[in-house]
Amino acid sequence: MKPTRQLHDLGQSLWLDNITRGLLTDGTLRRYISEFSVTGLTSNPTIFDKAITEADFYDAAIRQLTAEGKSGEALFFELAIEDLTGAADLFRPIHDSTGGVDGWVSLEVSPLLAYDTAGTIDAAARLHEAAQRPNLFIKIPGTPEGVPAIEASIFAGVPVNVTLLFSREQYVAAAQAYLRGIERRIAAGLDPNVGSVASIFVSRWDVAVKDKVPPQLRNRLGIAIAKRAYQAYRELLASPRWQQLAVAGARPQRLLWASTGTKDPDVSDTLYIGSLAAPDTINTIPDKTLHAFADHGELKGVLPVDGGDAEDVLAEFARAGVDDAALAAQLQREGAESFDKSWKDLIGRIAAKSAMLEKGDQTRAGQP
């Protein structure tokens, strides 16, 4: 049995951390589903920037949309929605067979809205309406300004993937926003069954401290943070507050591990996959890491519901001078800045490609 299947049977969903038009059209994504037990996928501006830069799959669509007068963000979202609705349709049988637990894809609001609550609420509603798919999450960052947007969007019935979470405290804030949104729906007589996941970024912790801690502590911080968040997740699911909502028909907001590709060439290329196995969670995996884990991955046990050695490990980091609370805030800011940069690069790339294609068409038509 492939290690990917072992994780699936354990109760952890494997979602591809990638989307390109080529994955959809050449059968690769369908093969990942059948061979590697992939049951969903995520996207972000960096992924789309790379996809549009490295291939010509989008040229025909960009040419057509440009001719229709679309540009900038409007043009990008047309491309993204076309890709993600196609992926959503491919995962729809999984979504239906699991009662809406699995088979999701994700589309991010503009990163320029990371600190704009009202703008995020409006954008999430518009993208959800445009996609018209029951298994498409709208990604909203778990920034202080994003938290009320999460609550409002859940109340409005928009499924939400909370992104850019780096700590237990940031996760709990997002989870509380989700609960408030569901409670408001129940109070208003609305269906409480609105999907959501909360995405904890893991490997960026270890990248941030790799040159600041002793060798014996390297590549241990991200997993310790994940264990601490998993303990909070399990405590929330066992709480009377959640149990009451579950009885009313709500579904849990599942915990998702993001940024799980190994960045350090000196350690296992499947470090974060084998170390973060846990039922009722999701692990998003880049293509390279997915292939590696399917080939030679090993499960290192299941995450302990009580956090295991997380606090002891984090105490070691504190003694080494790492303030995890301050670093979590820093990583969230840097993550938002990185997506912001990717977004601006992406929009610029689309504009340049639109101009290039338009010029090429004019040249072929003999126009000056």
Protein backbone atom coordinates (compact mmCIF):
# COMPACT_ATOMS: atom_id res chain seq x y z
CA MET A 1 0.00 0.00 0.00
CA LYS A 2 1.35 3.41 -0.97
CA PRO A 3 2.17 5.75 1.95
CA THR A 4 -0.31 8.24 0.47
CA ARG A 5 -3.03 5.62 0.78
CA GLN A 6 -1.99 4.94 4.37
CA LEU A 7 -2.55 8.58 5.22
CA HIS A 8 -5.91 8.54 3.45
CA ASP A 9 -7.00 5.45 5.38
CA LEU A 10 -5.85 7.07 8.61
CA GLY A 11 -8.36 9.85 7.96
CA GLN A 12 -6.07 12.59 6.69
CA SER A 13 -6.95 14.19 3.35
CA LEU A 14 -4.15 14.84 0.87
CA TRP A 15 -4.68 17.95 -1.23
CA LEU A 16 -2.43 19.06 -4.04
CA ASP A 17 -0.81 22.43 -3.42
CA ASN A 18 -0.87 23.39 -7.08
CA ILE A 19 -3.13 24.20 -10.02
CA THR A 20 -2.32 24.73 -13.68
CA ARG A 21 -4.44 24.36 -16.77
CA GLY A 22 -2.02 21.66 -17.90
CA LEU A 23 -2.75 19.54 -14.82
CA LEU A 24 -6.40 19.59 -15.80
CA THR A 25 -6.06 19.01 -19.52
CA ASP A 26 -3.32 16.38 -19.67
CA GLY A 27 -4.86 13.99 -17.13
CA THR A 28 -2.25 14.55 -14.41
CA LEU A 29 -4.73 15.66 -11.75
CA ARG A 30 -7.03 12.75 -12.52
CA ARG A 31 -4.02 10.41 -12.15
CA TYR A 32 -3.11 11.97 -8.79
CA ILE A 33 -6.63 11.20 -7.60
CA SER A 34 -6.50 7.56 -8.63
CA GLU A 35 -2.85 6.78 -7.84
CA PHE A 36 -2.00 9.01 -4.88
CA SER A 37 -5.37 9.38 -3.09
CA VAL A 38 -5.46 13.13 -3.69
CA THR A 39 -8.90 14.44 -2.71
CA GLY A 40 -8.67 18.22 -3.20
CA LEU A 41 -6.34 21.09 -4.04
CA THR A 42 -5.36 24.60 -3.04
CA SER A 43 -4.08 27.58 -4.99
CA ASN A 44 -2.48 30.93 -4.25
CA PRO A 45 -1.12 33.89 -6.25
CA THR A 46 2.42 32.47 -6.31
CA ILE A 47 1.15 29.22 -7.86
CA PHE A 48 -0.80 31.04 -10.57
CA ASP A 49 2.11 33.41 -11.25
CA LYS A 50 4.39 30.44 -11.87
CA ALA A 51 1.79 28.62 -13.99
CA ILE A 52 1.18 31.56 -16.31
CA THR A 53 4.90 32.36 -16.56
CA GLU A 54 6.13 28.88 -17.39
CA ALA A 55 3.56 27.67 -19.92
CA ASP A 56 1.40 28.85 -22.80
CA PHE A 57 -1.76 27.05 -21.64
CA TYR A 58 -3.37 30.42 -20.87
CA ASP A 59 -2.49 32.29 -24.05
CA ALA A 60 -5.73 31.57 -25.91
CA ALA A 61 -7.86 32.52 -22.92
CA ILE A 62 -5.86 35.70 -22.27
CA ARG A 63 -6.18 36.64 -25.94
CA GLN A 64 -9.94 36.15 -25.86
CA LEU A 65 -10.50 37.96 -22.56
CA THR A 66 -8.32 40.86 -23.68
CA ALA A 67 -10.40 41.14 -26.84
CA GLU A 68 -13.48 41.29 -24.62
CA GLY A 69 -11.99 44.31 -22.85
CA LYS A 70 -10.95 42.57 -19.63
CA SER A 71 -7.67 43.33 -17.89
CA GLY A 72 -5.96 43.23 -14.51
CA GLU A 73 -7.68 41.48 -11.63
CA ALA A 74 -10.89 40.93 -13.61
CA LEU A 75 -9.00 39.02 -16.29
CA PHE A 76 -7.06 36.96 -13.74
CA PHE A 77 -10.16 35.90 -11.84
CA GLU A 78 -11.76 34.75 -15.10
CA LEU A 79 -8.72 32.50 -15.67
CA ALA A 80 -8.60 31.28 -12.09
CA ILE A 81 -12.31 30.54 -11.85
CA GLU A 82 -12.18 28.59 -15.10
CA ASP A 83 -9.33 26.43 -13.75
CA LEU A 84 -10.78 25.96 -10.29
CA THR A 85 -14.32 25.19 -11.38
CA GLY A 86 -12.85 22.57 -13.68
CA ALA A 87 -10.93 21.10 -10.75
CA ALA A 88 -14.01 21.37 -8.52
CA ASP A 89 -16.01 19.36 -11.04
CA LEU A 90 -13.29 16.71 -11.08
CA PHE A 91 -13.42 16.44 -7.28
CA ARG A 92 -17.22 16.69 -7.10
CA PRO A 93 -17.80 12.90 -6.83
CA ILE A 94 -15.49 12.85 -3.79
CA HIS A 95 -17.30 15.85 -2.32
CA ASP A 96 -20.67 14.17 -2.78
CA SER A 97 -19.59 10.75 -1.52
CA THR A 98 -18.10 12.25 1.67
CA GLY A 99 -21.11 14.40 2.41
CA GLY A 100 -19.18 17.59 1.73
CA VAL A 101 -16.26 16.77 4.02
CA ASP A 102 -13.72 16.38 1.23
CA GLY A 103 -13.26 17.14 -2.47
CA TRP A 104 -12.66 20.89 -2.11
CA VAL A 105 -10.64 23.41 -4.13
CA SER A 106 -9.68 26.93 -3.03
CA LEU A 107 -9.61 30.38 -4.63
CA GLU A 108 -7.97 33.31 -2.86
CA VAL A 109 -9.31 36.84 -2.60
CA SER A 110 -6.88 39.52 -3.73
CA PRO A 111 -3.94 39.65 -1.27
CA LEU A 112 -4.21 43.43 -1.48
CA LEU A 113 -7.26 43.03 0.81
CA ALA A 114 -5.36 41.33 3.65
CA TYR A 115 -5.98 44.31 5.94
CA ASP A 116 -9.34 45.40 4.51
CA THR A 117 -12.28 43.76 6.28
CA ALA A 118 -15.11 45.23 4.22
CA GLY A 119 -13.28 44.71 0.94
CA THR A 120 -12.61 41.07 1.81
CA ILE A 121 -16.25 40.39 2.71
CA ASP A 122 -17.41 41.89 -0.58
CA ALA A 123 -14.78 40.06 -2.67
CA ALA A 124 -15.49 36.70 -1.01
CA ALA A 125 -19.20 37.00 -1.76
CA ARG A 126 -18.59 37.98 -5.39
CA LEU A 127 -16.10 35.17 -6.05
CA HIS A 128 -18.35 32.60 -4.40
CA GLU A 129 -21.26 33.74 -6.55
CA ALA A 130 -19.15 33.75 -9.71
CA ALA A 131 -17.81 30.23 -9.17
CA GLN A 132 -21.19 28.60 -8.57
CA ARG A 133 -19.65 25.43 -7.09
CA PRO A 134 -20.58 23.93 -3.70
CA ASN A 135 -17.05 22.57 -3.23
CA LEU A 136 -15.04 25.76 -3.75
CA PHE A 137 -13.54 27.53 -0.75
CA ILE A 138 -12.77 31.24 -0.76
CA LYS A 139 -9.42 31.82 0.91
CA ILE A 140 -9.37 34.63 3.48
CA PRO A 141 -6.22 35.49 5.45
CA GLY A 142 -6.34 35.07 9.21
CA THR A 143 -5.04 38.58 9.84
CA PRO A 144 -6.69 40.67 12.57
CA GLU A 145 -8.69 42.39 9.82
CA GLY A 146 -9.46 39.06 8.16
CA VAL A 147 -10.99 37.50 11.28
CA PRO A 148 -14.26 39.53 11.19
CA ALA A 149 -14.42 38.88 7.43
CA ILE A 150 -14.30 35.14 8.15
CA GLU A 151 -17.23 35.42 10.56
CA ALA A 152 -19.27 37.56 8.15
CA SER A 153 -18.55 35.30 5.19
CA ILE A 154 -19.50 32.13 7.08
CA PHE A 155 -22.71 33.83 8.21
CA ALA A 156 -23.39 34.68 4.55
CA GLY A 157 -22.96 31.01 3.62
CA VAL A 158 -19.60 31.40 1.88
CA PRO A 159 -17.27 28.40 2.50
CA VAL A 160 -13.93 29.70 3.78
CA ASN A 161 -10.36 28.43 3.75
CA VAL A 162 -8.58 30.55 6.35
CA THR A 163 -5.02 31.09 5.17
CA LEU A 164 -1.83 32.58 6.61
CA LEU A 165 -2.18 31.08 10.09
CA PHE A 166 1.10 30.49 11.92
CA SER A 167 0.27 29.75 15.54
CA ARG A 168 -2.21 28.25 17.95
CA GLU A 169 -3.45 31.70 18.88
CA GLN A 170 -4.02 32.73 15.26
CA TYR A 171 -5.77 29.41 14.62
CA VAL A 172 -8.02 29.82 17.67
CA ALA A 173 -9.00 33.33 16.54
CA ALA A 174 -9.99 31.93 13.13
CA ALA A 175 -11.86 29.01 14.70
CA GLN A 176 -13.77 31.33 17.02
CA ALA A 177 -14.75 33.48 14.03
CA TYR A 178 -16.05 30.37 12.29
CA LEU A 179 -18.07 29.37 15.36
CA ARG A 180 -19.58 32.84 15.67
CA GLY A 181 -20.60 32.76 12.01
CA ILE A 182 -22.31 29.40 12.48
CA GLU A 183 -24.01 30.51 15.69
CA ARG A 184 -25.38 33.56 13.89
CA ARG A 185 -26.74 31.34 11.11
CA ILE A 186 -28.51 29.12 13.63
CA ALA A 187 -29.97 32.16 15.40
CA ALA A 188 -31.24 33.41 12.03
CA GLY A 189 -32.82 30.06 11.18
CA LEU A 190 -30.28 29.32 8.42
CA ASP A 191 -28.56 26.03 7.55
CA PRO A 192 -25.47 25.71 9.80
CA ASN A 193 -23.70 23.38 7.36
CA VAL A 194 -21.07 25.74 5.88
CA GLY A 195 -17.65 24.30 5.06
CA SER A 196 -14.39 25.72 6.35
CA VAL A 197 -10.75 24.78 6.91
CA ALA A 198 -8.01 26.57 8.85
CA SER A 199 -4.55 26.46 7.29
CA ILE A 200 -1.46 26.41 9.53
CA PHE A 201 1.80 27.17 7.67
CA VAL A 202 4.58 24.88 8.91
CA SER A 203 7.92 24.93 7.09
CA ARG A 204 8.29 28.72 7.17
CA TRP A 205 8.94 28.48 10.91
CA ASP A 206 12.04 26.39 10.34
CA VAL A 207 13.29 28.59 7.52
CA ALA A 208 12.96 31.65 9.78
CA VAL A 209 15.17 30.25 12.56
CA LYS A 210 17.59 27.96 10.69
CA ASP A 211 20.60 30.22 11.27
CA LYS A 212 19.55 31.37 14.74
CA VAL A 213 19.36 28.13 16.75
CA PRO A 214 21.74 25.27 17.59
CA PRO A 215 21.94 22.41 15.05
CA GLN A 216 19.95 20.05 17.30
CA LEU A 217 16.95 22.40 17.11
CA ARG A 218 16.84 22.86 13.36
CA ASN A 219 13.69 21.68 11.53
CA ARG A 220 11.84 21.05 14.81
CA LEU A 221 10.01 24.32 15.39
CA GLY A 222 7.35 23.99 12.67
CA ILE A 223 6.29 20.53 13.84
CA ALA A 224 6.15 21.66 17.49
CA ILE A 225 3.92 24.60 16.52
CA ALA A 226 1.71 22.20 14.54
CA LYS A 227 1.39 19.85 17.52
CA ARG A 228 0.37 22.75 19.75
CA ALA A 229 -2.28 23.84 17.22
CA TYR A 230 -3.54 20.27 16.86
CA GLN A 231 -4.07 20.06 20.61
CA ALA A 232 -6.18 23.25 20.47
CA TYR A 233 -8.12 21.80 17.53
CA ARG A 234 -8.96 18.65 19.44
CA GLU A 235 -9.92 20.60 22.54
CA LEU A 236 -12.29 22.75 20.49
CA LEU A 237 -13.96 19.70 18.91
CA ALA A 238 -14.47 18.22 22.37
CA SER A 239 -15.92 21.45 23.81
CA PRO A 240 -19.61 21.74 24.78
CA ARG A 241 -19.88 24.80 22.53
CA TRP A 242 -18.89 22.83 19.46
CA GLN A 243 -20.93 19.76 20.44
CA GLN A 244 -24.04 21.93 20.60
CA LEU A 245 -23.38 23.25 17.09
CA ALA A 246 -22.70 19.75 15.79
CA VAL A 247 -26.05 18.55 17.10
CA ALA A 248 -27.66 21.45 15.20
CA GLY A 249 -26.06 20.19 11.97
CA ALA A 250 -22.80 22.13 11.71
CA ARG A 251 -19.67 20.51 10.33
CA PRO A 252 -16.22 20.92 11.91
CA GLN A 253 -13.80 23.46 10.54
CA ARG A 254 -10.96 21.08 9.68
CA LEU A 255 -7.33 21.83 10.45
CA LEU A 256 -5.04 21.96 7.41
CA TRP A 257 -1.24 21.80 7.22
CA ALA A 258 0.16 24.18 4.60
CA SER A 259 3.71 24.95 3.47
CA THR A 260 4.76 21.31 3.88
CA GLY A 261 7.48 21.07 1.26
CA THR A 262 10.90 20.54 2.90
CA LYS A 263 13.18 23.53 2.39
CA ASP A 264 16.36 22.11 3.97
CA PRO A 265 18.24 19.77 1.59
CA ASP A 266 19.96 18.12 4.54
CA VAL A 267 16.78 16.50 5.91
CA SER A 268 14.11 14.19 4.53
CA ASP A 269 12.15 15.54 1.58
CA THR A 270 9.00 14.16 3.22
CA LEU A 271 9.70 15.44 6.75
CA TYR A 272 6.47 17.39 7.23
CA ILE A 273 4.22 14.79 5.62
CA GLY A 274 5.37 11.86 7.70
CA SER A 275 5.42 13.93 10.90
CA LEU A 276 1.95 15.51 10.66
CA ALA A 277 -0.28 12.47 10.21
CA ALA A 278 -3.56 12.92 12.08
CA PRO A 279 -7.18 11.95 11.50
CA ASP A 280 -9.70 14.65 10.52
CA THR A 281 -6.98 16.92 9.15
CA ILE A 282 -5.67 17.88 5.71
CA ASN A 283 -2.13 18.08 4.35
CA THR A 284 -1.54 20.16 1.22
CA ILE A 285 1.39 18.82 -0.76
CA PRO A 286 3.42 20.29 -3.65
CA ASP A 287 3.80 17.93 -6.65
CA LYS A 288 7.45 17.15 -5.90
CA THR A 289 6.73 16.25 -2.28
CA LEU A 290 3.67 14.21 -3.27
CA HIS A 291 5.75 12.07 -5.62
CA ALA A 292 8.48 11.70 -3.00
CA PHE A 293 6.09 10.62 -0.27
CA ALA A 294 4.31 8.15 -2.55
CA ASP A 295 7.70 6.69 -3.44
CA HIS A 296 9.51 6.46 -0.10
CA GLY A 297 7.52 8.25 2.57
CA GLU A 298 7.10 6.85 6.09
CA LEU A 299 4.55 7.72 8.75
CA LYS A 300 6.17 8.64 12.05
CA GLY A 301 3.14 7.84 14.13
CA VAL A 302 0.03 9.93 14.69
CA LEU A 303 -0.01 13.39 16.24
CA PRO A 304 -0.87 13.21 19.96
CA VAL A 305 -4.13 14.89 20.91
CA ASP A 306 -2.48 16.37 24.01
CA GLY A 307 0.30 18.07 22.05
CA GLY A 308 2.93 15.51 23.03
CA ASP A 309 6.35 17.10 23.48
CA ALA A 310 5.36 20.41 21.86
CA GLU A 311 5.71 22.58 24.95
CA ASP A 312 9.05 21.02 25.93
CA VAL A 313 10.43 21.64 22.43
CA LEU A 314 9.10 25.19 22.37
CA ALA A 315 10.71 25.80 25.76
CA GLU A 316 14.04 24.79 24.22
CA PHE A 317 13.51 27.33 21.47
CA ALA A 318 12.64 29.99 24.04
CA ARG A 319 15.91 29.30 25.83
CA ALA A 320 17.66 29.70 22.49
CA GLY A 321 16.13 33.17 22.16
CA VAL A 322 13.12 32.42 19.93
CA ASP A 323 9.96 34.33 20.87
CA ASP A 324 7.34 32.22 19.10
CA ALA A 325 4.51 34.75 19.64
CA ALA A 326 6.49 37.58 18.07
CA LEU A 327 7.72 35.31 15.29
CA ALA A 328 4.16 34.18 14.49
CA ALA A 329 3.10 37.79 13.96
CA GLN A 330 6.20 38.43 11.85
CA LEU A 331 5.61 35.35 9.69
CA GLN A 332 2.00 36.36 9.09
CA ARG A 333 3.07 39.84 7.99
CA GLU A 334 5.80 38.43 5.76
CA GLY A 335 3.38 35.88 4.31
CA ALA A 336 0.91 38.62 3.43
CA GLU A 337 3.72 40.71 1.90
CA SER A 338 4.92 37.72 -0.14
CA PHE A 339 1.45 37.05 -1.55
CA ASP A 340 1.05 40.77 -2.20
CA LYS A 341 4.27 40.78 -4.24
CA SER A 342 3.26 37.61 -6.12
CA TRP A 343 -0.11 39.18 -6.86
CA LYS A 344 1.42 42.35 -8.31
CA ASP A 345 3.89 40.25 -10.33
CA LEU A 346 1.02 38.12 -11.57
CA ILE A 347 -1.12 41.05 -12.68
CA GLY A 348 1.91 42.60 -14.37
CA ARG A 349 2.70 39.30 -16.08
CA ILE A 350 -0.83 39.02 -17.43
CA ALA A 351 -0.73 42.60 -18.71
CA ALA A 352 2.59 41.96 -20.47
CA LYS A 353 1.34 38.73 -22.01
CA SER A 354 -1.88 40.43 -23.16
CA ALA A 355 0.14 43.14 -24.88
CA MET A 356 2.51 40.61 -26.45
CA LEU A 357 -0.32 38.46 -27.79
CA GLU A 358 -2.18 41.48 -29.10
CA LYS A 359 0.96 42.75 -30.86
CA GLY A 360 1.58 39.31 -32.35
CA ASP A 361 -1.96 39.12 -33.67
CA GLN A 362 -1.62 42.57 -35.25
CA THR A 363 1.67 41.58 -36.87
CA ARG A 364 0.18 38.44 -38.35
CA ALA A 365 -2.76 40.47 -39.64
CA GLY A 366 -0.35 42.88 -41.34
CA GLN A 367 -1.31 45.81 -39.13
CA PRO A 368 1.34 48.37 -38.11
